[in-house]
C-alpha atoms as a PDB file:
ATOM      1  CA  MET A   1     -47.981 -32.323 -35.449  1.00  0.00           C
ATOM      2  CA  HIS A   2     -44.262 -31.874 -35.303  1.00  0.00           C
ATOM      3  CA  ALA A   3     -42.565 -30.776 -31.758  1.00  0.00           C
ATOM      4  CA  TYR A   4     -40.896 -27.373 -31.555  1.00  0.00           C
ATOM      5  CA  LEU A   5     -39.547 -25.412 -28.799  1.00  0.00           C
ATOM      6  CA  ILE A   6     -40.771 -22.615 -27.583  1.00  0.00           C
ATOM      7  CA  THR A   7     -38.431 -19.749 -26.497  1.00  0.00           C
ATOM      8  CA  ALA A   8     -39.358 -16.891 -24.111  1.00  0.00           C
ATOM      9  CA  GLN A   9     -37.397 -13.807 -25.515  1.00  0.00           C
ATOM     10  CA  PRO A  10     -36.726 -11.059 -22.842  1.00  0.00           C
ATOM     11  CA  SER A  11     -39.616  -8.383 -22.778  1.00  0.00           C
ATOM     12  CA  ARG A  12     -38.591  -4.814 -22.927  1.00  0.00           C
ATOM     13  CA  TRP A  13     -38.381  -4.289 -19.263  1.00  0.00           C
ATOM     14  CA  ARG A  14     -36.083  -7.326 -18.902  1.00  0.00           C
ATOM     15  CA  ARG A  15     -33.620  -6.096 -21.191  1.00  0.00           C
ATOM     16  CA  ALA A  16     -34.112  -2.260 -19.813  1.00  0.00           C
ATOM     17  CA  GLY A  17     -33.406  -4.047 -16.452  1.00  0.00           C
ATOM     18  CA  ARG A  18     -30.213  -5.696 -17.651  1.00  0.00           C
ATOM     19  CA  TRP A  19     -28.789  -2.958 -19.483  1.00  0.00           C
ATOM     20  CA  VAL A  20     -29.384  -0.757 -16.033  1.00  0.00           C
ATOM     21  CA  ARG A  21     -27.604  -3.111 -14.202  1.00  0.00           C
ATOM     22  CA  VAL A  22     -24.590  -3.347 -16.645  1.00  0.00           C
ATOM     23  CA  CYS A  23     -24.460   0.531 -16.650  1.00  0.00           C
ATOM     24  CA  MET A  24     -24.541   0.648 -12.958  1.00  0.00           C
ATOM     25  CA  THR A  25     -21.885  -1.886 -12.459  1.00  0.00           C
ATOM     26  CA  ARG A  26     -19.427  -0.170 -14.957  1.00  0.00           C
ATOM     27  CA  LEU A  27     -20.278   3.109 -13.242  1.00  0.00           C
ATOM     28  CA  LEU A  28     -19.239   1.482 -10.096  1.00  0.00           C
ATOM     29  CA  ILE A  29     -16.082   0.166 -11.519  1.00  0.00           C
ATOM     30  CA  GLY A  30     -14.922   3.207 -12.906  1.00  0.00           C
ATOM     31  CA  ALA A  31     -15.921   5.505  -9.675  1.00  0.00           C
ATOM     32  CA  ALA A  32     -13.529   2.966  -7.808  1.00  0.00           C
ATOM     33  CA  LEU A  33     -10.915   3.095 -10.165  1.00  0.00           C
ATOM     34  CA  LEU A  34     -11.095   6.948  -9.993  1.00  0.00           C
ATOM     35  CA  LEU A  35     -11.035   7.015  -6.363  1.00  0.00           C
ATOM     36  CA  LEU A  36      -7.816   4.669  -6.372  1.00  0.00           C
ATOM     37  CA  GLY A  37      -6.525   6.740  -8.738  1.00  0.00           C
ATOM     38  CA  LEU A  38      -6.795   9.835  -6.888  1.00  0.00           C
ATOM     39  CA  LEU A  39      -5.488   8.007  -3.794  1.00  0.00           C
ATOM     40  CA  VAL A  40      -2.319   7.197  -5.396  1.00  0.00           C
ATOM     41  CA  LEU A  41      -2.206  10.462  -6.770  1.00  0.00           C
ATOM     42  CA  VAL A  42      -2.131  12.245  -3.345  1.00  0.00           C
ATOM     43  CA  ILE A  43       0.212   9.664  -1.697  1.00  0.00           C
ATOM     44  CA  ARG A  44       2.624  10.412  -4.530  1.00  0.00           C
ATOM     45  CA  CYS A  45       2.172  14.178  -4.293  1.00  0.00           C
ATOM     46  CA  LEU A  46       2.681  14.004  -0.285  1.00  0.00           C
ATOM     47  CA  ARG A  47       5.908  11.922  -0.523  1.00  0.00           C
ATOM     48  CA  PRO A  48       7.983  14.703  -1.470  1.00  0.00           C
ATOM     49  CA  ILE A  49       6.648  16.838   1.111  1.00  0.00           C
ATOM     50  CA  VAL A  50       7.180  14.333   3.774  1.00  0.00           C
ATOM     51  CA  ASN A  51      10.916  13.973   2.921  1.00  0.00           C
ATOM     52  CA  VAL A  52      10.934  17.973   3.008  1.00  0.00           C
ATOM     53  CA  LEU A  53      10.138  17.635   6.595  1.00  0.00           C
ATOM     54  CA  ALA A  54      11.987  14.836   7.393  1.00  0.00           C
ATOM     55  CA  THR A  55      14.889  16.565   6.566  1.00  0.00           C
ATOM     56  CA  TRP A  56      14.532  19.511   7.682  1.00  0.00           C
ATOM     57  CA  ALA A  57      13.634  17.490  11.384  1.00  0.00           C
ATOM     58  CA  VAL A  58      16.579  15.951  10.924  1.00  0.00           C
ATOM     59  CA  ARG A  59      18.758  18.878  10.546  1.00  0.00           C
ATOM     60  CA  THR A  60      17.016  20.892  13.290  1.00  0.00           C
ATOM     61  CA  GLU A  61      17.940  18.072  15.519  1.00  0.00           C
ATOM     62  CA  LEU A  62      21.375  18.097  14.624  1.00  0.00           C
ATOM     63  CA  GLU A  63      21.818  22.157  15.103  1.00  0.00           C
ATOM     64  CA  ILE A  64      20.066  21.762  18.286  1.00  0.00           C
ATOM     65  CA  SER A  65      22.455  19.146  19.671  1.00  0.00           C
ATOM     66  CA  ILE A  66      25.359  20.791  18.381  1.00  0.00           C
ATOM     67  CA  ARG A  67      24.343  23.499  20.255  1.00  0.00           C
ATOM     68  CA  THR A  68      23.614  21.976  23.585  1.00  0.00           C
ATOM     69  CA  GLY A  69      26.826  19.051  23.164  1.00  0.00           C
ATOM     70  CA  LEU A  70      23.932  16.456  23.696  1.00  0.00           C
ATOM     71  CA  PRO A  71      23.755  13.557  21.515  1.00  0.00           C
ATOM     72  CA  SER A  72      20.897  13.542  18.866  1.00  0.00           C
ATOM     73  CA  ILE A  73      17.891  11.122  19.824  1.00  0.00           C
ATOM     74  CA  GLY A  74      16.974  10.311  16.305  1.00  0.00           C
ATOM     75  CA  ALA A  75      20.505   9.231  15.238  1.00  0.00           C
ATOM     76  CA  SER A  76      20.715   7.093  18.602  1.00  0.00           C
ATOM     77  CA  LEU A  77      17.578   5.443  17.896  1.00  0.00           C
ATOM     78  CA  GLY A  78      18.803   4.875  14.330  1.00  0.00           C
ATOM     79  CA  ALA A  79      21.749   3.170  15.282  1.00  0.00           C
ATOM     80  CA  HIS A  80      20.106   0.896  18.012  1.00  0.00           C
ATOM     81  CA  LEU A  81      17.384  -0.057  15.301  1.00  0.00           C
ATOM     82  CA  THR A  82      19.958  -1.069  12.609  1.00  0.00           C
ATOM     83  CA  ASP A  83      21.937  -3.133  15.282  1.00  0.00           C
ATOM     84  CA  ALA A  84      18.988  -4.792  16.098  1.00  0.00           C
ATOM     85  CA  PHE A  85      18.284  -5.419  12.509  1.00  0.00           C
ATOM     86  CA  ILE A  86      21.510  -6.682  11.543  1.00  0.00           C
ATOM     87  CA  SER A  87      21.585  -8.868  14.768  1.00  0.00           C
ATOM     88  CA  GLU A  88      18.196 -10.653  13.949  1.00  0.00           C
ATOM     89  CA  PHE A  89      19.247 -10.925   9.760  1.00  0.00           C
ATOM     90  CA  HIS A  90      22.170 -12.714  10.800  1.00  0.00           C
ATOM     91  CA  LYS A  91      20.432 -14.797  13.532  1.00  0.00           C
ATOM     92  CA  GLY A  92      18.013 -15.762  10.987  1.00  0.00           C
ATOM     93  CA  TRP A  93      20.397 -16.009   7.687  1.00  0.00           C
ATOM     94  CA  ASP A  94      23.334 -18.312  10.353  1.00  0.00           C
ATOM     95  CA  ARG A  95      20.364 -20.686  12.010  1.00  0.00           C
ATOM     96  CA  LYS A  96      20.763 -24.264  11.196  1.00  0.00           C
ATOM     97  CA  THR A  97      17.336 -26.948  11.657  1.00  0.00           C
ATOM     98  CA  LYS A  98      18.541 -30.216  13.445  1.00  0.00           C
ATOM     99  CA  GLU A  99      19.725 -31.831  10.059  1.00  0.00           C
ATOM    100  CA  GLY A 100      22.301 -29.282   9.801  1.00  0.00           C
ATOM    101  CA  GLN A 101      20.430 -27.625   6.788  1.00  0.00           C
ATOM    102  CA  PRO A 102      20.265 -23.796   6.716  1.00  0.00           C
ATOM    103  CA  SER A 103      16.277 -22.973   7.445  1.00  0.00           C
END
């Protein structure tokens, strides 16, 4: 008698379980991609609205500062932040290591 290999084929229940598992995985990934796409759409749609609101706020602040004669707080803070960023950039750019090489 010759030796031979007996291979067990998956039953109907195993094949059905694998099919369900594959379909559920694909559905979950599709749902996640759909939610991510909706989130990106909402963010992209809100950006122009935020830009319009920011422009309106800046113009309102400028109008109030012109009428009262007081300096604009947003412009003052923006100028100070810009100066701070510039000084930090120059510090990082001009910094030398002990060997004299830029870091």
